[in-house]
Amino acid sequence: MSIQLSEVVRELPVSAETFGIIAFSIFGLLLYLVLRLDK
């Protein structure tokens, strides 16, 4: 699993920093939606 993930990351057109920012923003958005729907 982790080997496949690293292979995919290596083939991504974006850099690791950009991927991290995108992943973090998506995670934050999901967390925000979960907290909103929880009330």
Protein backbone atom coordinates (compact mmCIF):
# COMPACT_ATOMS: atom_id res chain seq x y z
CA MET A 1 0.00 0.00 0.00
CA SER A 2 2.64 2.53 1.05
CA ILE A 3 4.84 1.47 -1.87
CA GLN A 4 2.00 2.08 -4.31
CA LEU A 5 1.30 5.45 -2.70
CA SER A 6 4.92 6.57 -3.10
CA GLU A 7 4.85 5.45 -6.75
CA VAL A 8 1.74 7.56 -7.36
CA VAL A 9 3.22 10.56 -5.57
CA ARG A 10 6.37 10.31 -7.68
CA GLU A 11 4.28 10.44 -10.87
CA LEU A 12 2.25 13.47 -9.77
CA PRO A 13 2.81 16.61 -11.89
CA VAL A 14 2.69 18.81 -8.80
CA SER A 15 5.48 19.13 -6.27
CA ALA A 16 5.41 17.60 -2.80
CA GLU A 17 4.82 21.00 -1.19
CA THR A 18 1.85 21.73 -3.46
CA PHE A 19 0.42 18.27 -2.81
CA GLY A 20 0.76 18.81 0.93
CA ILE A 21 -1.02 22.16 0.77
CA ILE A 22 -3.85 20.69 -1.33
CA ALA A 23 -4.22 17.67 0.95
CA PHE A 24 -4.21 19.90 4.03
CA SER A 25 -6.86 22.22 2.58
CA ILE A 26 -9.07 19.25 1.64
CA PHE A 27 -8.64 17.78 5.13
CA GLY A 28 -9.51 21.12 6.71
CA LEU A 29 -12.59 21.47 4.50
CA LEU A 30 -13.78 17.97 5.41
CA LEU A 31 -13.20 18.65 9.10
CA TYR A 32 -15.14 21.92 8.79
CA LEU A 33 -18.07 20.16 7.09
CA VAL A 34 -18.10 17.37 9.69
CA LEU A 35 -18.12 19.88 12.56
CA ARG A 36 -20.90 21.90 10.90
CA LEU A 37 -23.09 18.85 10.22
CA ASP A 38 -22.46 17.54 13.72
CA LYS A 39 -24.46 20.34 15.36
